[in-house]
């Protein structure tokens, strides 16, 4: 730790010269200025005696295992269900103060009259039954201000991703300075896990507003943690002895092949660990629900408590095993928040000079919103229109990450077997994902019980297809982007990567909120989702050259390093 603190305070020139002259670097051989750019000053220069070990790689994987339960269990399932539950009950209490909320007809005793009870017809949604003949639409209850409960939950998700974007702009670049990368990873984990666990206090409907705040805080912390976690990926790849040895002793083509395979493997296995943990925790919650038979709202709260605890406990292994791998010395006499925005601005300006990186980010901005919105809309749609109960929703939430785990492994093997580039695998995943909203649009033209997401069994198939491609599209997106990053700027560019993702991810939930608020229908959102999958795929295929972008990024010494070397 003493060495790390000394490195963090040294000048950049001293780091460069010591790295080039250090005898400790003999494991890799002398470093050239190009090598310095490739390692980004955050790996072999700062810690020349520490190539990647299996222990550190496992510690990096462990963070996917730790925090992925938030995305697959909390924000994709239990937070939306809890917010809608709280908001609907509070809205009913305020609008119909003297009336009890109707029960579902199936829950009535055999001798009770089926009148003014709720009846859900698959494909059509919840209706209210008035006697044996008449079925009418369920009264639309509204929160204070006229907001629909589903729109409220969707709006909170939208605000949370906007908050993520602001946080990324403020802190993301500091993944490249000193030991901030690991410090902020720890801080974001603590904040996010506590906010998630604190959901246990949401015991009454009037606390629906607090639930919205917890969604915003926890999701912001989760997204920020991903920035610092992802910024380790290119550093770990460059620190892999096999990759560095190939770069120094083989052709550029061979080095690119080994590097691409290594990066794909690390990225894919990270996601696989994450999806496996999501499945395990969701299955545990399912068993808990079976055994205890607890009331729905209490079950959602307990599940969120377990998610927060899981996130924090397993992250401890990451914190213990992941190297600090410090970067450039932090700017002196500079405001942390302002420096983050300045660096983000400089990064955005620099991106314009990288054609293929720009093309990728513009299209990632669109399709990342599409696949994340498919997930959030799917839960609402399954509950509201397909009439699935809590058990069915949990099964869907198990099938999706389980399929993602299998899909990551399957597509990685398929790529190796066919010797297909990462860009082409990404395009394949986007094409398959586009079939899902197309499938749902058929429901406009089919009768009740027909094909077009009008049956419970279709939702299970939908979840499997979505999951198989979700893990793969996320992994290949991260891999392609990492290939296009200029050396030495991993943290701030991955911050832009997350800003691009979350900067668009507010749009999908907002579109959902507007459509539900104005039409009381979720099926219309599928036209939007179809466009977010098809259009980016076409533009990436026609205009982005992955290999050209990779060579340009790997041959460029980062601007900061280059400036210091020339002084």
Protein backbone atom coordinates (compact mmCIF):
# COMPACT_ATOMS: atom_id res chain seq x y z
CA UNK A 1 0.00 0.00 0.00
CA UNK A 2 2.97 2.30 0.64
CA UNK A 3 4.10 1.84 -2.96
CA UNK A 4 0.60 2.62 -4.23
CA UNK A 5 0.37 5.87 -2.30
CA UNK A 6 3.77 6.94 -3.58
CA UNK A 7 2.75 6.18 -7.14
CA UNK A 8 -0.45 8.14 -6.74
CA UNK A 9 1.49 11.28 -5.78
CA UNK A 10 4.25 10.98 -8.34
CA UNK A 11 4.28 13.15 -11.44
CA UNK A 12 3.29 11.63 -14.74
CA UNK A 13 6.75 12.11 -16.18
CA UNK A 14 8.28 10.26 -13.24
CA UNK A 15 5.82 7.41 -13.74
CA UNK A 16 6.63 7.19 -17.43
CA UNK A 17 10.37 7.26 -16.94
CA UNK A 18 10.34 4.84 -14.01
CA UNK A 19 8.16 2.47 -15.97
CA UNK A 20 10.42 2.60 -19.00
CA UNK A 21 13.59 2.10 -16.93
CA UNK A 22 12.30 -0.12 -14.14
CA UNK A 23 13.96 -3.50 -13.76
CA UNK A 24 10.72 -4.68 -12.19
CA UNK A 25 9.19 -4.70 -15.64
CA UNK A 26 11.44 -7.49 -16.91
CA UNK A 27 8.59 -9.98 -16.73
CA UNK A 28 7.16 -8.20 -19.76
CA UNK A 29 10.33 -6.67 -21.14
CA UNK A 30 11.08 -2.92 -21.52
CA UNK A 31 8.09 -0.70 -22.22
CA UNK A 32 7.99 1.57 -25.22
CA UNK A 33 5.92 4.76 -25.38
CA UNK A 34 3.30 2.82 -27.33
CA UNK A 35 3.25 0.19 -24.59
CA UNK A 36 2.65 2.95 -22.07
CA UNK A 37 -0.35 4.11 -24.02
CA UNK A 38 -1.68 0.58 -24.37
CA UNK A 39 -1.49 -0.15 -20.67
CA UNK A 40 -3.10 3.17 -19.89
CA UNK A 41 -0.77 4.05 -17.00
CA UNK A 42 -3.31 2.42 -14.72
CA UNK A 43 -1.89 -1.07 -14.94
CA UNK A 44 1.70 -1.98 -15.71
CA UNK A 45 3.17 1.48 -15.11
CA UNK A 46 1.56 1.96 -11.72
CA UNK A 47 2.10 -1.67 -10.70
CA UNK A 48 4.68 -3.19 -13.07
CA UNK A 49 5.30 -6.22 -10.85
CA UNK A 50 1.67 -7.29 -10.70
CA UNK A 51 0.36 -9.05 -13.81
CA UNK A 52 -3.19 -10.35 -13.58
CA UNK A 53 -3.61 -13.34 -11.27
CA UNK A 54 -6.43 -15.87 -11.06
CA UNK A 55 -7.30 -14.53 -7.61
CA UNK A 56 -7.77 -10.97 -8.88
CA UNK A 57 -9.75 -12.12 -11.91
CA UNK A 58 -12.07 -14.12 -9.63
CA UNK A 59 -12.44 -11.04 -7.43
CA UNK A 60 -13.51 -9.06 -10.51
CA UNK A 61 -16.00 -11.77 -11.48
CA UNK A 62 -17.29 -11.75 -7.91
CA UNK A 63 -18.61 -8.21 -8.28
CA UNK A 64 -20.89 -9.32 -11.11
CA UNK A 65 -22.06 -12.08 -8.78
CA UNK A 66 -22.63 -9.51 -6.03
CA UNK A 67 -24.40 -6.62 -7.77
CA UNK A 68 -26.25 -8.32 -10.63
CA UNK A 69 -28.95 -9.41 -8.21
CA UNK A 70 -29.95 -5.76 -8.07
CA UNK A 71 -30.63 -5.55 -11.81
CA UNK A 72 -32.28 -8.97 -12.15
CA UNK A 73 -34.15 -9.15 -8.84
CA UNK A 74 -34.63 -5.65 -7.45
CA UNK A 75 -35.02 -3.09 -10.23
CA UNK A 76 -36.46 -5.55 -12.77
CA UNK A 77 -38.98 -7.25 -10.47
CA UNK A 78 -39.55 -6.42 -6.82
CA UNK A 79 -39.12 -2.64 -6.86
CA UNK A 80 -41.68 -2.18 -9.70
CA UNK A 81 -44.14 -4.60 -8.06
CA UNK A 82 -43.75 -2.95 -4.65
CA UNK A 83 -44.14 0.59 -6.01
CA UNK A 84 -47.26 -0.30 -7.99
CA UNK A 85 -48.70 -2.15 -4.98
CA UNK A 86 -48.14 0.80 -2.66
CA UNK A 87 -49.27 3.42 -5.18
CA UNK A 88 -52.45 1.55 -6.21
CA UNK A 89 -53.54 1.00 -2.63
CA UNK A 90 -52.84 4.59 -1.66
CA UNK A 91 -54.64 5.92 -4.74
CA UNK A 92 -57.68 3.77 -3.94
CA UNK A 93 -57.68 4.96 -0.33
CA UNK A 94 -57.65 8.58 -1.46
CA UNK A 95 -60.21 8.26 -4.28
CA UNK A 96 -62.67 5.83 -2.66
CA UNK A 97 -62.31 6.63 1.01
CA UNK A 98 -65.59 4.95 1.99
CA UNK A 99 -65.17 1.83 -0.15
CA UNK A 100 -62.95 -1.17 0.21
CA UNK A 101 -60.82 -2.05 -2.76
CA UNK A 102 -62.58 -4.89 -4.69
CA UNK A 103 -61.33 -8.43 -4.22
CA UNK A 104 -60.53 -10.71 -7.11
CA UNK A 105 -63.53 -12.88 -7.97
CA UNK A 106 -61.45 -16.05 -7.64
CA UNK A 107 -60.69 -15.14 -4.01
CA UNK A 108 -64.36 -14.93 -3.01
CA UNK A 109 -66.01 -17.71 -1.03
CA UNK A 110 -68.39 -19.95 -2.98
CA UNK A 111 -71.45 -18.39 -1.34
CA UNK A 112 -70.45 -14.79 -2.10
CA UNK A 113 -72.05 -12.98 -5.03
CA UNK A 114 -69.68 -12.31 -7.90
CA UNK A 115 -70.48 -8.62 -8.01
CA UNK A 116 -68.11 -5.68 -7.99
CA UNK A 117 -65.15 -8.05 -7.92
CA UNK A 118 -62.06 -8.06 -10.09
CA UNK A 119 -61.71 -10.44 -13.00
CA UNK A 120 -58.57 -10.67 -15.12
CA UNK A 121 -58.80 -12.01 -18.67
CA UNK A 122 -55.51 -13.01 -20.24
CA UNK A 123 -54.62 -10.65 -23.05
CA UNK A 124 -57.27 -8.12 -22.05
CA UNK A 125 -56.27 -7.18 -18.51
CA UNK A 126 -58.13 -6.59 -15.26
CA UNK A 127 -61.86 -5.85 -15.40
CA UNK A 128 -64.56 -5.45 -12.79
CA UNK A 129 -67.44 -7.93 -12.77
CA UNK A 130 -70.92 -6.72 -11.84
CA UNK A 131 -73.08 -9.80 -11.58
CA UNK A 132 -72.99 -12.93 -13.77
CA UNK A 133 -73.20 -11.15 -17.14
CA UNK A 134 -71.66 -7.71 -17.18
CA UNK A 135 -67.93 -7.11 -17.24
CA UNK A 136 -66.61 -3.55 -17.35
CA UNK A 137 -63.24 -1.84 -17.27
CA UNK A 138 -61.59 -1.52 -13.90
CA UNK A 139 -61.89 2.05 -12.53
CA UNK A 140 -58.67 3.96 -13.14
CA UNK A 141 -57.45 5.21 -9.78
CA UNK A 142 -55.01 8.12 -9.68
CA UNK A 143 -52.43 9.38 -7.23
CA UNK A 144 -52.52 13.00 -6.08
CA UNK A 145 -51.78 15.04 -9.19
CA UNK A 146 -53.63 12.60 -11.44
CA UNK A 147 -50.72 10.18 -11.96
CA UNK A 148 -51.49 6.54 -12.75
CA UNK A 149 -49.77 4.10 -10.31
CA UNK A 150 -47.97 2.29 -13.14
CA UNK A 151 -46.95 5.65 -14.60
CA UNK A 152 -45.59 6.62 -11.16
CA UNK A 153 -43.41 3.51 -10.96
CA UNK A 154 -42.20 4.01 -14.52
CA UNK A 155 -41.49 7.70 -13.89
CA UNK A 156 -39.38 6.86 -10.83
CA UNK A 157 -37.33 4.48 -12.97
CA UNK A 158 -36.93 7.24 -15.57
CA UNK A 159 -35.77 9.77 -12.96
CA UNK A 160 -33.33 7.23 -11.51
CA UNK A 161 -31.54 6.76 -14.82
CA UNK A 162 -31.37 10.52 -15.34
CA UNK A 163 -29.78 10.71 -11.90
CA UNK A 164 -27.34 8.02 -13.00
CA UNK A 165 -26.31 10.08 -16.02
CA UNK A 166 -25.60 13.13 -13.84
CA UNK A 167 -23.60 11.01 -11.41
CA UNK A 168 -21.56 9.47 -14.22
CA UNK A 169 -20.70 12.91 -15.58
CA UNK A 170 -19.61 14.03 -12.11
CA UNK A 171 -17.57 11.03 -10.99
CA UNK A 172 -16.84 8.79 -13.96
CA UNK A 173 -13.55 10.33 -15.07
CA UNK A 174 -12.09 9.76 -11.62
CA UNK A 175 -11.85 6.08 -12.37
CA UNK A 176 -8.66 7.15 -14.16
CA UNK A 177 -7.11 9.06 -11.26
CA UNK A 178 -5.09 7.74 -8.32
CA UNK A 179 -6.92 5.05 -6.36
CA UNK A 180 -10.36 6.60 -6.87
CA UNK A 181 -11.45 3.71 -9.10
CA UNK A 182 -11.64 1.27 -6.20
CA UNK A 183 -12.70 3.84 -3.59
CA UNK A 184 -15.77 4.87 -5.54
CA UNK A 185 -16.61 1.24 -6.31
CA UNK A 186 -16.76 0.60 -2.56
CA UNK A 187 -18.72 3.80 -1.81
CA UNK A 188 -21.34 3.14 -4.48
CA UNK A 189 -21.77 -0.42 -3.26
CA UNK A 190 -22.37 0.67 0.34
CA UNK A 191 -24.90 3.35 -0.65
CA UNK A 192 -26.76 1.14 -3.11
CA UNK A 193 -27.00 -1.90 -0.87
CA UNK A 194 -28.23 0.14 2.11
CA UNK A 195 -30.88 1.95 0.04
CA UNK A 196 -32.12 -1.37 -1.35
CA UNK A 197 -32.27 -3.03 2.07
CA UNK A 198 -34.06 -0.01 3.55
CA UNK A 199 -37.14 -0.95 1.49
CA UNK A 200 -38.10 -3.21 4.40
CA UNK A 201 -39.63 -0.13 6.09
CA UNK A 202 -42.22 0.42 3.32
CA UNK A 203 -45.03 -1.22 5.27
CA UNK A 204 -47.94 1.07 4.40
CA UNK A 205 -49.30 2.60 1.14
CA UNK A 206 -48.71 6.21 2.21
CA UNK A 207 -44.95 5.54 1.99
CA UNK A 208 -45.08 5.04 -1.77
CA UNK A 209 -43.13 8.31 -2.21
CA UNK A 210 -40.29 6.97 -0.05
CA UNK A 211 -40.22 3.87 -2.24
CA UNK A 212 -39.68 6.14 -5.25
CA UNK A 213 -36.77 7.88 -3.50
CA UNK A 214 -35.15 4.53 -2.64
CA UNK A 215 -35.43 3.46 -6.28
CA UNK A 216 -33.67 6.64 -7.39
CA UNK A 217 -30.87 6.40 -4.80
CA UNK A 218 -30.22 2.66 -5.16
CA UNK A 219 -30.36 2.65 -8.96
CA UNK A 220 -28.05 5.67 -9.16
CA UNK A 221 -25.51 3.96 -6.90
CA UNK A 222 -25.83 0.70 -8.82
CA UNK A 223 -25.21 2.38 -12.18
CA UNK A 224 -22.25 4.35 -10.85
CA UNK A 225 -20.69 1.19 -9.44
CA UNK A 226 -20.83 -0.35 -12.91
CA UNK A 227 -18.71 2.50 -14.30
CA UNK A 228 -15.87 1.79 -11.88
CA UNK A 229 -16.27 -1.97 -12.24
CA UNK A 230 -16.25 -1.89 -16.06
CA UNK A 231 -13.22 0.40 -16.16
CA UNK A 232 -11.16 -2.51 -14.81
CA UNK A 233 -11.89 -4.71 -17.85
CA UNK A 234 -9.39 -3.31 -20.41
CA UNK A 235 -6.76 -3.04 -17.66
CA UNK A 236 -7.17 -6.67 -16.66
CA UNK A 237 -6.99 -7.75 -20.30
CA UNK A 238 -3.79 -5.76 -20.91
CA UNK A 239 -2.35 -7.16 -17.64
CA UNK A 240 -2.91 -10.75 -18.75
CA UNK A 241 0.57 -12.22 -19.40
CA UNK A 242 -0.55 -14.09 -22.51
CA UNK A 243 -1.94 -10.91 -24.09
CA UNK A 244 1.12 -8.81 -23.34
CA UNK A 245 3.52 -11.53 -24.48
CA UNK A 246 1.63 -11.90 -27.75
CA UNK A 247 1.75 -8.14 -28.34
CA UNK A 248 5.52 -8.04 -27.97
CA UNK A 249 6.39 -11.30 -29.74
CA UNK A 250 3.79 -11.78 -32.46
CA UNK A 251 2.12 -9.96 -35.30
CA UNK A 252 -0.46 -7.27 -34.70
CA UNK A 253 -3.15 -9.51 -36.17
CA UNK A 254 -2.29 -12.33 -33.78
CA UNK A 255 -2.22 -9.92 -30.83
CA UNK A 256 -5.66 -8.57 -31.75
CA UNK A 257 -7.03 -12.10 -31.99
CA UNK A 258 -5.68 -13.16 -28.58
CA UNK A 259 -6.74 -9.89 -27.00
CA UNK A 260 -10.25 -10.13 -28.46
CA UNK A 261 -10.67 -13.71 -27.29
CA UNK A 262 -9.43 -12.84 -23.79
CA UNK A 263 -11.66 -9.79 -23.49
CA UNK A 264 -14.70 -11.69 -24.76
CA UNK A 265 -14.03 -14.49 -22.29
CA UNK A 266 -13.64 -12.16 -19.30
CA UNK A 267 -16.71 -10.13 -20.23
CA UNK A 268 -18.89 -13.15 -20.95
CA UNK A 269 -17.90 -15.02 -17.79
CA UNK A 270 -18.51 -11.89 -15.72
CA UNK A 271 -22.06 -11.67 -17.04
CA UNK A 272 -22.55 -15.41 -16.55
CA UNK A 273 -21.58 -15.14 -12.88
CA UNK A 274 -23.99 -12.25 -12.54
CA UNK A 275 -26.94 -14.01 -14.13
CA UNK A 276 -26.26 -17.16 -12.13
CA UNK A 277 -26.43 -15.17 -8.90
CA UNK A 278 -29.66 -13.52 -10.03
CA UNK A 279 -31.23 -16.92 -10.65
CA UNK A 280 -30.04 -18.29 -7.32
CA UNK A 281 -31.43 -15.41 -5.25
CA UNK A 282 -34.73 -15.34 -7.15
CA UNK A 283 -35.18 -19.09 -6.66
CA UNK A 284 -34.45 -18.65 -2.96
CA UNK A 285 -37.11 -15.93 -2.77
CA UNK A 286 -39.53 -18.22 -4.58
CA UNK A 287 -38.93 -21.01 -2.06
CA UNK A 288 -39.31 -18.52 0.78
CA UNK A 289 -42.67 -17.39 -0.63
CA UNK A 290 -43.83 -21.00 -0.91
CA UNK A 291 -42.79 -21.95 2.62
CA UNK A 292 -43.99 -18.87 4.50
CA UNK A 293 -47.04 -17.92 2.45
CA UNK A 294 -46.40 -14.32 3.48
CA UNK A 295 -48.53 -11.44 2.22
CA UNK A 296 -47.42 -9.99 -1.13
CA UNK A 297 -46.22 -6.60 0.03
CA UNK A 298 -44.23 -8.08 2.89
CA UNK A 299 -42.70 -10.58 0.47
CA UNK A 300 -41.55 -7.80 -1.88
CA UNK A 301 -39.96 -5.93 1.04
CA UNK A 302 -38.16 -9.02 2.37
CA UNK A 303 -36.88 -9.86 -1.12
CA UNK A 304 -35.41 -6.35 -1.47
CA UNK A 305 -33.80 -6.63 1.97
CA UNK A 306 -32.14 -9.89 0.92
CA UNK A 307 -30.98 -8.31 -2.35
CA UNK A 308 -29.23 -5.47 -0.53
CA UNK A 309 -27.54 -7.85 1.91
CA UNK A 310 -26.42 -10.14 -0.93
CA UNK A 311 -24.92 -7.21 -2.84
CA UNK A 312 -22.89 -5.99 0.15
CA UNK A 313 -21.72 -9.35 1.51
CA UNK A 314 -20.37 -10.81 -1.74
CA UNK A 315 -18.80 -7.50 -2.77
CA UNK A 316 -16.46 -7.84 0.21
CA UNK A 317 -14.55 -10.55 -1.67
CA UNK A 318 -14.09 -8.16 -4.58
CA UNK A 319 -12.83 -5.39 -2.31
CA UNK A 320 -10.30 -7.76 -0.75
CA UNK A 321 -8.97 -9.28 -3.98
CA UNK A 322 -9.13 -6.51 -6.59
CA UNK A 323 -5.92 -4.49 -7.01
CA UNK A 324 -6.14 -0.72 -6.70
CA UNK A 325 -4.36 -0.31 -10.06
CA UNK A 326 -4.01 3.47 -9.65
CA UNK A 327 -4.12 5.78 -12.62
CA UNK A 328 -2.91 9.29 -13.33
CA UNK A 329 -2.22 11.56 -10.35
CA UNK A 330 -5.35 13.49 -9.40
CA UNK A 331 -5.34 17.14 -10.56
CA UNK A 332 -4.18 19.47 -7.83
CA UNK A 333 -6.42 22.26 -6.56
CA UNK A 334 -9.33 21.03 -8.68
CA UNK A 335 -12.90 20.47 -7.59
CA UNK A 336 -13.78 16.79 -7.79
CA UNK A 337 -17.24 17.38 -9.26
CA UNK A 338 -16.17 20.14 -11.66
CA UNK A 339 -13.16 18.16 -12.85
CA UNK A 340 -15.46 15.25 -13.60
CA UNK A 341 -17.66 17.45 -15.81
CA UNK A 342 -14.64 19.01 -17.50
CA UNK A 343 -13.17 15.60 -18.25
CA UNK A 344 -16.53 14.38 -19.50
CA UNK A 345 -16.72 17.40 -21.80
CA UNK A 346 -13.19 16.75 -23.08
CA UNK A 347 -14.03 13.09 -23.56
CA UNK A 348 -17.14 13.96 -25.58
CA UNK A 349 -15.04 16.32 -27.72
CA UNK A 350 -12.43 13.61 -28.26
CA UNK A 351 -15.04 11.03 -29.22
CA UNK A 352 -15.83 13.09 -32.30
CA UNK A 353 -12.37 12.27 -33.65
CA UNK A 354 -13.04 8.52 -33.39
CA UNK A 355 -15.46 7.72 -36.18
CA UNK A 356 -16.27 4.11 -35.31
CA UNK A 357 -16.55 4.85 -31.59
CA UNK A 358 -19.00 7.66 -32.34
CA UNK A 359 -21.12 5.45 -34.58
CA UNK A 360 -21.22 2.74 -31.94
CA UNK A 361 -22.19 5.09 -29.09
CA UNK A 362 -24.99 6.75 -31.07
CA UNK A 363 -26.55 3.40 -31.85
CA UNK A 364 -25.87 1.98 -28.39
CA UNK A 365 -27.76 4.98 -27.03
CA UNK A 366 -30.83 3.71 -28.87
CA UNK A 367 -30.72 -0.08 -28.58
CA UNK A 368 -29.64 -0.16 -24.91
CA UNK A 369 -32.83 1.74 -24.09
CA UNK A 370 -34.76 -0.78 -26.15
CA UNK A 371 -33.60 -3.95 -24.44
CA UNK A 372 -33.83 -2.44 -20.94
CA UNK A 373 -37.36 -1.21 -21.60
CA UNK A 374 -38.41 -4.65 -22.86
CA UNK A 375 -37.57 -5.96 -19.39
CA UNK A 376 -39.50 -3.31 -17.45
CA UNK A 377 -42.50 -3.38 -19.76
CA UNK A 378 -42.52 -7.18 -19.66
CA UNK A 379 -43.16 -7.32 -15.90
CA UNK A 380 -45.95 -4.74 -16.04
CA UNK A 381 -47.44 -6.42 -19.11
CA UNK A 382 -47.34 -9.90 -17.58
CA UNK A 383 -49.06 -8.71 -14.42
CA UNK A 384 -51.54 -6.27 -15.92
CA UNK A 385 -52.49 -7.74 -19.30
CA UNK A 386 -51.64 -11.45 -19.06
CA UNK A 387 -53.01 -11.72 -15.49
CA UNK A 388 -49.98 -13.54 -14.10
CA UNK A 389 -49.80 -13.90 -10.33
CA UNK A 390 -46.72 -13.33 -8.14
CA UNK A 391 -45.59 -16.91 -8.62
CA UNK A 392 -45.69 -16.62 -12.40
CA UNK A 393 -43.81 -13.33 -12.31
CA UNK A 394 -41.07 -14.88 -10.19
CA UNK A 395 -40.79 -17.80 -12.61
CA UNK A 396 -40.31 -15.31 -15.45
CA UNK A 397 -37.64 -13.56 -13.41
CA UNK A 398 -35.84 -16.89 -12.97
CA UNK A 399 -36.13 -17.88 -16.62
CA UNK A 400 -34.70 -14.61 -17.97
CA UNK A 401 -31.35 -14.56 -16.08
CA UNK A 402 -31.03 -18.35 -16.29
CA UNK A 403 -31.43 -18.10 -20.05
CA UNK A 404 -28.96 -15.19 -20.08
CA UNK A 405 -26.40 -17.40 -18.33
CA UNK A 406 -26.91 -20.13 -20.94
CA UNK A 407 -27.00 -17.59 -23.77
CA UNK A 408 -23.66 -16.07 -22.82
CA UNK A 409 -22.02 -19.47 -22.88
CA UNK A 410 -23.83 -20.55 -26.07
CA UNK A 411 -23.04 -17.45 -28.13
CA UNK A 412 -19.42 -17.39 -26.93
CA UNK A 413 -18.98 -21.00 -28.08
CA UNK A 414 -20.82 -20.23 -31.32
CA UNK A 415 -18.49 -17.32 -31.99
CA UNK A 416 -15.41 -19.46 -31.37
CA UNK A 417 -16.71 -22.30 -33.50
CA UNK A 418 -17.65 -20.08 -36.46
CA UNK A 419 -14.76 -17.61 -35.96
CA UNK A 420 -17.17 -14.67 -36.11
CA UNK A 421 -16.26 -11.14 -35.04
CA UNK A 422 -17.82 -9.60 -31.92
CA UNK A 423 -19.62 -6.99 -34.00
CA UNK A 424 -21.41 -9.67 -36.02
CA UNK A 425 -22.47 -11.52 -32.88
CA UNK A 426 -23.89 -8.25 -31.56
CA UNK A 427 -25.89 -7.78 -34.76
CA UNK A 428 -27.24 -11.32 -34.48
CA UNK A 429 -28.47 -10.66 -30.93
CA UNK A 430 -30.16 -7.40 -31.95
CA UNK A 431 -31.94 -9.14 -34.82
CA UNK A 432 -33.36 -11.82 -32.52
CA UNK A 433 -34.40 -9.26 -29.89
CA UNK A 434 -36.29 -7.34 -32.60
CA UNK A 435 -38.56 -10.36 -33.04
CA UNK A 436 -39.97 -9.94 -29.52
CA UNK A 437 -41.84 -6.61 -29.96
CA UNK A 438 -42.81 -7.76 -33.45
CA UNK A 439 -44.37 -10.83 -31.86
CA UNK A 440 -46.32 -8.67 -29.41
CA UNK A 441 -47.77 -6.48 -32.19
CA UNK A 442 -49.58 -9.53 -33.58
CA UNK A 443 -51.85 -9.28 -30.55
CA UNK A 444 -53.68 -6.39 -32.19
CA UNK A 445 -54.93 -8.71 -34.92
CA UNK A 446 -55.71 -11.91 -33.01
CA UNK A 447 -58.71 -12.81 -30.82
CA UNK A 448 -58.46 -13.53 -27.05
CA UNK A 449 -56.37 -16.65 -26.57
CA UNK A 450 -54.62 -16.18 -29.94
CA UNK A 451 -50.94 -15.68 -30.68
CA UNK A 452 -49.40 -12.30 -29.89
CA UNK A 453 -48.54 -12.28 -26.16
CA UNK A 454 -52.08 -13.07 -25.06
CA UNK A 455 -51.31 -16.26 -23.16
CA UNK A 456 -49.29 -17.10 -20.08
CA UNK A 457 -47.21 -19.72 -21.89
CA UNK A 458 -46.13 -17.06 -24.41
CA UNK A 459 -44.66 -14.97 -21.61
CA UNK A 460 -42.48 -17.89 -20.53
CA UNK A 461 -41.20 -18.35 -24.10
CA UNK A 462 -40.74 -14.59 -24.36
CA UNK A 463 -38.61 -14.59 -21.19
CA UNK A 464 -36.39 -17.41 -22.45
CA UNK A 465 -35.71 -15.78 -25.85
CA UNK A 466 -35.12 -12.40 -24.21
CA UNK A 467 -32.75 -13.86 -21.64
CA UNK A 468 -30.75 -15.90 -24.16
CA UNK A 469 -29.90 -12.73 -26.05
CA UNK A 470 -29.77 -10.18 -23.23
CA UNK A 471 -26.60 -11.45 -21.57
CA UNK A 472 -24.91 -11.87 -24.93
CA UNK A 473 -25.85 -8.42 -26.28
CA UNK A 474 -24.60 -6.78 -23.08
CA UNK A 475 -21.36 -8.73 -23.15
CA UNK A 476 -20.62 -8.05 -26.82
CA UNK A 477 -21.56 -4.38 -26.43
CA UNK A 478 -19.07 -4.03 -23.59
CA UNK A 479 -16.41 -5.91 -25.55
CA UNK A 480 -16.81 -3.89 -28.74
CA UNK A 481 -16.75 -0.63 -26.82
CA UNK A 482 -13.65 -1.64 -24.82
CA UNK A 483 -11.88 -2.33 -28.12
CA UNK A 484 -12.61 1.20 -29.34
CA UNK A 485 -11.42 3.08 -26.22
CA UNK A 486 -8.25 5.20 -26.57
CA UNK A 487 -5.55 3.81 -24.28
CA UNK A 488 -5.21 5.36 -20.84
CA UNK A 489 -8.76 6.73 -20.68
CA UNK A 490 -10.70 3.65 -19.64
CA UNK A 491 -12.53 5.19 -16.68
CA UNK A 492 -13.83 8.33 -18.34
CA UNK A 493 -14.76 6.51 -21.55
CA UNK A 494 -16.64 3.84 -19.63
CA UNK A 495 -18.38 6.69 -17.81
CA UNK A 496 -19.51 7.95 -21.23
CA UNK A 497 -20.53 4.38 -22.07
CA UNK A 498 -22.79 4.28 -19.00
CA UNK A 499 -24.01 7.83 -19.66
CA UNK A 500 -24.96 6.73 -23.16
CA UNK A 501 -26.81 3.73 -21.75
CA UNK A 502 -28.56 5.53 -18.91
CA UNK A 503 -28.86 8.78 -20.86
CA UNK A 504 -31.31 6.98 -23.11
CA UNK A 505 -32.79 4.52 -20.62
CA UNK A 506 -35.02 7.21 -19.15
CA UNK A 507 -36.78 7.48 -22.53
CA UNK A 508 -38.29 3.99 -22.53
CA UNK A 509 -39.87 4.24 -19.06
CA UNK A 510 -41.08 7.76 -19.91
CA UNK A 511 -42.67 6.53 -23.14
CA UNK A 512 -44.36 3.77 -21.14
CA UNK A 513 -45.59 6.29 -18.56
CA UNK A 514 -47.04 8.59 -21.22
CA UNK A 515 -48.74 5.78 -23.14
CA UNK A 516 -50.27 4.24 -20.03
CA UNK A 517 -51.34 7.65 -18.73
CA UNK A 518 -53.08 8.62 -21.98
CA UNK A 519 -54.32 5.30 -23.43
CA UNK A 520 -54.28 2.87 -20.48
CA UNK A 521 -52.53 0.41 -22.84
CA UNK A 522 -49.07 -1.13 -22.80
CA UNK A 523 -49.19 -2.88 -26.16
CA UNK A 524 -48.52 0.33 -28.12
CA UNK A 525 -45.02 0.50 -26.66
CA UNK A 526 -43.98 -2.40 -28.87
CA UNK A 527 -43.77 -0.16 -31.94
CA UNK A 528 -41.21 1.98 -30.12
CA UNK A 529 -39.27 -1.10 -28.98
CA UNK A 530 -39.23 -2.55 -32.50
CA UNK A 531 -37.63 0.62 -33.87
CA UNK A 532 -34.96 0.66 -31.12
CA UNK A 533 -33.78 -2.81 -32.17
CA UNK A 534 -33.97 -2.63 -35.97
CA UNK A 535 -32.56 0.83 -36.76
CA UNK A 536 -29.31 0.55 -34.72
CA UNK A 537 -28.61 -2.88 -36.21
CA UNK A 538 -28.85 -1.48 -39.73
CA UNK A 539 -26.57 1.49 -39.00
CA UNK A 540 -23.94 -0.60 -37.18
CA UNK A 541 -23.84 -3.07 -40.07
CA UNK A 542 -23.47 -0.39 -42.73
CA UNK A 543 -21.22 2.20 -41.12
CA UNK A 544 -19.11 0.85 -38.21
CA UNK A 545 -15.80 -0.87 -38.95
CA UNK A 546 -14.85 -2.72 -35.74
CA UNK A 547 -11.34 -3.72 -36.77
CA UNK A 548 -10.45 -0.24 -38.03
CA UNK A 549 -11.65 1.31 -34.78
CA UNK A 550 -9.74 -1.20 -32.66
CA UNK A 551 -6.45 -0.59 -34.44
CA UNK A 552 -6.90 3.17 -34.19
CA UNK A 553 -7.59 3.01 -30.44
CA UNK A 554 -4.73 0.62 -29.64
CA UNK A 555 -2.16 2.63 -31.63
CA UNK A 556 -2.98 5.92 -29.92
CA UNK A 557 -1.18 7.00 -26.79
CA UNK A 558 -3.72 8.78 -24.59
CA UNK A 559 -3.76 12.56 -24.87
CA UNK A 560 -2.60 13.06 -21.30
CA UNK A 561 0.34 10.67 -21.64
CA UNK A 562 1.32 12.06 -25.01
CA UNK A 563 1.34 15.61 -23.68
CA UNK A 564 3.61 14.63 -20.79
CA UNK A 565 5.96 12.61 -22.98
CA UNK A 566 6.49 15.56 -25.32
CA UNK A 567 7.27 18.05 -22.54
